[in-house]
Amino acid sequence: MASIKDIGKLFLFIVTGLVAIIVGSFMVRGTMHMWDNPGENKKDKKD
């Protein structure tokens, strides 16, 4: 049976991975919006 330390490391690894994926997806989405919005907003405002 695994020790408490091993279980804690595994749990911490999984949580850290999930947080990294979520934060990374938000960062990618945010940078994509930053790149897309200036051109699109200017065109939409002119129309």
PDB file of N, CA and C in Angstrom:
ATOM      1  N   MET A   1       0.855  -1.203   0.000  1.00  0.00           N
ATOM      2  CA  MET A   1       0.000   0.000   0.000  1.00  0.00           C
ATOM      3  C   MET A   1       0.890   1.252   0.000  1.00  0.00           C
ATOM      4  N   ALA A   2       0.489   2.233  -0.792  1.00  0.00           N
ATOM      5  CA  ALA A   2       1.286   3.459  -0.908  1.00  0.00           C
ATOM      6  C   ALA A   2       1.241   4.250   0.394  1.00  0.00           C
ATOM      7  N   SER A   3       2.332   4.929   0.656  1.00  0.00           N
ATOM      8  CA  SER A   3       2.390   5.742   1.867  1.00  0.00           C
ATOM      9  C   SER A   3       1.625   7.047   1.664  1.00  0.00           C
ATOM     10  N   ILE A   4       1.377   7.744   2.762  1.00  0.00           N
ATOM     11  CA  ILE A   4       0.631   9.004   2.691  1.00  0.00           C
ATOM     12  C   ILE A   4       1.404  10.032   1.873  1.00  0.00           C
ATOM     13  N   LYS A   5       2.728  10.036   1.989  1.00  0.00           N
ATOM     14  CA  LYS A   5       3.534  10.992   1.229  1.00  0.00           C
ATOM     15  C   LYS A   5       3.393  10.753  -0.272  1.00  0.00           C
ATOM     16  N   ASP A   6       3.392   9.479  -0.692  1.00  0.00           N
ATOM     17  CA  ASP A   6       3.247   9.166  -2.117  1.00  0.00           C
ATOM     18  C   ASP A   6       1.880   9.615  -2.627  1.00  0.00           C
ATOM     19  N   ILE A   7       0.848   9.368  -1.846  1.00  0.00           N
ATOM     20  CA  ILE A   7      -0.505   9.783  -2.243  1.00  0.00           C
ATOM     21  C   ILE A   7      -0.575  11.303  -2.323  1.00  0.00           C
ATOM     22  N   GLY A   8       0.030  11.985  -1.363  1.00  0.00           N
ATOM     23  CA  GLY A   8       0.044  13.450  -1.359  1.00  0.00           C
ATOM     24  C   GLY A   8       0.766  14.000  -2.575  1.00  0.00           C
ATOM     25  N   LYS A   9       1.907  13.400  -2.929  1.00  0.00           N
ATOM     26  CA  LYS A   9       2.641  13.866  -4.109  1.00  0.00           C
ATOM     27  C   LYS A   9       1.818  13.663  -5.371  1.00  0.00           C
ATOM     28  N   LEU A  10       1.170  12.504  -5.491  1.00  0.00           N
ATOM     29  CA  LEU A  10       0.343  12.213  -6.666  1.00  0.00           C
ATOM     30  C   LEU A  10      -0.820  13.195  -6.756  1.00  0.00           C
ATOM     31  N   PHE A  11      -1.493  13.433  -5.627  1.00  0.00           N
ATOM     32  CA  PHE A  11      -2.622  14.370  -5.597  1.00  0.00           C
ATOM     33  C   PHE A  11      -2.166  15.774  -5.969  1.00  0.00           C
ATOM     34  N   LEU A  12      -1.034  16.206  -5.409  1.00  0.00           N
ATOM     35  CA  LEU A  12      -0.491  17.532  -5.704  1.00  0.00           C
ATOM     36  C   LEU A  12      -0.122  17.634  -7.178  1.00  0.00           C
ATOM     37  N   PHE A  13       0.460  16.569  -7.746  1.00  0.00           N
ATOM     38  CA  PHE A  13       0.840  16.551  -9.159  1.00  0.00           C
ATOM     39  C   PHE A  13      -0.391  16.707 -10.049  1.00  0.00           C
ATOM     40  N   ILE A  14      -1.473  15.980  -9.730  1.00  0.00           N
ATOM     41  CA  ILE A  14      -2.703  16.048 -10.528  1.00  0.00           C
ATOM     42  C   ILE A  14      -3.315  17.440 -10.434  1.00  0.00           C
ATOM     43  N   VAL A  15      -3.420  17.986  -9.227  1.00  0.00           N
ATOM     44  CA  VAL A  15      -4.013  19.311  -9.042  1.00  0.00           C
ATOM     45  C   VAL A  15      -3.189  20.363  -9.774  1.00  0.00           C
ATOM     46  N   THR A  16      -1.862  20.288  -9.645  1.00  0.00           N
ATOM     47  CA  THR A  16      -0.991  21.254 -10.317  1.00  0.00           C
ATOM     48  C   THR A  16      -1.151  21.161 -11.830  1.00  0.00           C
ATOM     49  N   GLY A  17      -1.260  19.954 -12.347  1.00  0.00           N
ATOM     50  CA  GLY A  17      -1.462  19.766 -13.783  1.00  0.00           C
ATOM     51  C   GLY A  17      -2.773  20.368 -14.250  1.00  0.00           C
ATOM     52  N   LEU A  18      -3.847  20.135 -13.524  1.00  0.00           N
ATOM     53  CA  LEU A  18      -5.150  20.687 -13.901  1.00  0.00           C
ATOM     54  C   LEU A  18      -5.120  22.208 -13.872  1.00  0.00           C
ATOM     55  N   VAL A  19      -4.543  22.787 -12.833  1.00  0.00           N
ATOM     56  CA  VAL A  19      -4.452  24.245 -12.720  1.00  0.00           C
ATOM     57  C   VAL A  19      -3.631  24.799 -13.880  1.00  0.00           C
ATOM     58  N   ALA A  20      -2.522  24.136 -14.211  1.00  0.00           N
ATOM     59  CA  ALA A  20      -1.670  24.600 -15.314  1.00  0.00           C
ATOM     60  C   ALA A  20      -2.447  24.572 -16.634  1.00  0.00           C
ATOM     61  N   ILE A  21      -3.210  23.513 -16.864  1.00  0.00           N
ATOM     62  CA  ILE A  21      -3.994  23.408 -18.104  1.00  0.00           C
ATOM     63  C   ILE A  21      -5.053  24.501 -18.158  1.00  0.00           C
ATOM     64  N   ILE A  22      -5.769  24.735 -17.049  1.00  0.00           N
ATOM     65  CA  ILE A  22      -6.824  25.747 -17.020  1.00  0.00           C
ATOM     66  C   ILE A  22      -6.233  27.133 -17.228  1.00  0.00           C
ATOM     67  N   VAL A  23      -5.164  27.455 -16.496  1.00  0.00           N
ATOM     68  CA  VAL A  23      -4.532  28.771 -16.633  1.00  0.00           C
ATOM     69  C   VAL A  23      -3.974  28.949 -18.042  1.00  0.00           C
ATOM     70  N   GLY A  24      -3.362  27.918 -18.578  1.00  0.00           N
ATOM     71  CA  GLY A  24      -2.820  27.991 -19.934  1.00  0.00           C
ATOM     72  C   GLY A  24      -3.902  28.231 -20.960  1.00  0.00           C
ATOM     73  N   SER A  25      -5.046  27.553 -20.818  1.00  0.00           N
ATOM     74  CA  SER A  25      -6.130  27.737 -21.785  1.00  0.00           C
ATOM     75  C   SER A  25      -6.676  29.166 -21.708  1.00  0.00           C
ATOM     76  N   PHE A  26      -6.793  29.713 -20.495  1.00  0.00           N
ATOM     77  CA  PHE A  26      -7.260  31.093 -20.358  1.00  0.00           C
ATOM     78  C   PHE A  26      -6.255  32.071 -20.963  1.00  0.00           C
ATOM     79  N   MET A  27      -4.950  31.809 -20.771  1.00  0.00           N
ATOM     80  CA  MET A  27      -3.924  32.683 -21.331  1.00  0.00           C
ATOM     81  C   MET A  27      -3.972  32.650 -22.855  1.00  0.00           C
ATOM     82  N   VAL A  28      -4.102  31.464 -23.434  1.00  0.00           N
ATOM     83  CA  VAL A  28      -4.166  31.344 -24.899  1.00  0.00           C
ATOM     84  C   VAL A  28      -5.418  32.049 -25.413  1.00  0.00           C
ATOM     85  N   ARG A  29      -6.547  31.830 -24.737  1.00  0.00           N
ATOM     86  CA  ARG A  29      -7.798  32.470 -25.150  1.00  0.00           C
ATOM     87  C   ARG A  29      -7.672  33.987 -25.041  1.00  0.00           C
ATOM     88  N   GLY A  30      -7.065  34.473 -23.963  1.00  0.00           N
ATOM     89  CA  GLY A  30      -6.894  35.913 -23.762  1.00  0.00           C
ATOM     90  C   GLY A  30      -5.994  36.533 -24.808  1.00  0.00           C
ATOM     91  N   THR A  31      -4.868  35.868 -25.121  1.00  0.00           N
ATOM     92  CA  THR A  31      -3.960  36.425 -26.131  1.00  0.00           C
ATOM     93  C   THR A  31      -4.617  36.405 -27.498  1.00  0.00           C
ATOM     94  N   MET A  32      -5.396  35.375 -27.789  1.00  0.00           N
ATOM     95  CA  MET A  32      -6.090  35.324 -29.080  1.00  0.00           C
ATOM     96  C   MET A  32      -7.095  36.469 -29.172  1.00  0.00           C
ATOM     97  N   HIS A  33      -7.812  36.749 -28.104  1.00  0.00           N
ATOM     98  CA  HIS A  33      -8.768  37.864 -28.115  1.00  0.00           C
ATOM     99  C   HIS A  33      -8.033  39.189 -28.242  1.00  0.00           C
ATOM    100  N   MET A  34      -6.876  39.306 -27.588  1.00  0.00           N
ATOM    101  CA  MET A  34      -6.097  40.540 -27.695  1.00  0.00           C
ATOM    102  C   MET A  34      -5.656  40.769 -29.135  1.00  0.00           C
ATOM    103  N   TRP A  35      -5.271  39.692 -29.823  1.00  0.00           N
ATOM    104  CA  TRP A  35      -4.839  39.834 -31.213  1.00  0.00           C
ATOM    105  C   TRP A  35      -6.034  40.114 -32.123  1.00  0.00           C
ATOM    106  N   ASP A  36      -7.174  39.465 -31.854  1.00  0.00           N
ATOM    107  CA  ASP A  36      -8.336  39.580 -32.750  1.00  0.00           C
ATOM    108  C   ASP A  36      -9.096  40.889 -32.548  1.00  0.00           C
ATOM    109  N   ASN A  37      -9.278  41.298 -31.299  1.00  0.00           N
ATOM    110  CA  ASN A  37     -10.188  42.416 -31.004  1.00  0.00           C
ATOM    111  C   ASN A  37      -9.808  43.756 -31.624  1.00  0.00           C
ATOM    112  N   PRO A  38      -8.559  44.198 -31.599  1.00  0.00           N
ATOM    113  CA  PRO A  38      -8.261  45.544 -32.132  1.00  0.00           C
ATOM    114  C   PRO A  38      -8.733  45.728 -33.564  1.00  0.00           C
ATOM    115  N   GLY A  39      -8.429  44.799 -34.457  1.00  0.00           N
ATOM    116  CA  GLY A  39      -8.855  44.909 -35.850  1.00  0.00           C
ATOM    117  C   GLY A  39     -10.358  44.792 -35.994  1.00  0.00           C
ATOM    118  N   GLU A  40     -10.937  43.822 -35.308  1.00  0.00           N
ATOM    119  CA  GLU A  40     -12.382  43.593 -35.440  1.00  0.00           C
ATOM    120  C   GLU A  40     -13.172  44.747 -34.855  1.00  0.00           C
ATOM    121  N   ASN A  41     -12.764  45.243 -33.709  1.00  0.00           N
ATOM    122  CA  ASN A  41     -13.508  46.331 -33.076  1.00  0.00           C
ATOM    123  C   ASN A  41     -13.473  47.595 -33.916  1.00  0.00           C
ATOM    124  N   LYS A  42     -12.337  47.883 -34.506  1.00  0.00           N
ATOM    125  CA  LYS A  42     -12.228  49.085 -35.337  1.00  0.00           C
ATOM    126  C   LYS A  42     -13.152  48.980 -36.549  1.00  0.00           C
ATOM    127  N   LYS A  43     -13.185  47.802 -37.171  1.00  0.00           N
ATOM    128  CA  LYS A  43     -14.064  47.606 -38.323  1.00  0.00           C
ATOM    129  C   LYS A  43     -15.520  47.698 -37.899  1.00  0.00           C
ATOM    130  N   ASP A  44     -15.858  47.096 -36.758  1.00  0.00           N
ATOM    131  CA  ASP A  44     -17.250  47.117 -36.299  1.00  0.00           C
ATOM    132  C   ASP A  44     -17.676  48.541 -35.934  1.00  0.00           C
ATOM    133  N   LYS A  45     -16.785  49.295 -35.285  1.00  0.00           N
ATOM    134  CA  LYS A  45     -17.146  50.663 -34.884  1.00  0.00           C
ATOM    135  C   LYS A  45     -17.340  51.558 -36.108  1.00  0.00           C
ATOM    136  N   LYS A  46     -16.508  51.364 -37.146  1.00  0.00           N
ATOM    137  CA  LYS A  46     -16.644  52.177 -38.365  1.00  0.00           C
ATOM    138  C   LYS A  46     -17.977  51.879 -39.058  1.00  0.00           C
ATOM    139  N   ASP A  47     -18.368  50.617 -39.056  1.00  0.00           N
ATOM    140  CA  ASP A  47     -19.637  50.258 -39.682  1.00  0.00           C
ATOM    141  C   ASP A  47     -20.786  50.803 -38.833  1.00  0.00           C
TER     142      ASP A  47
END
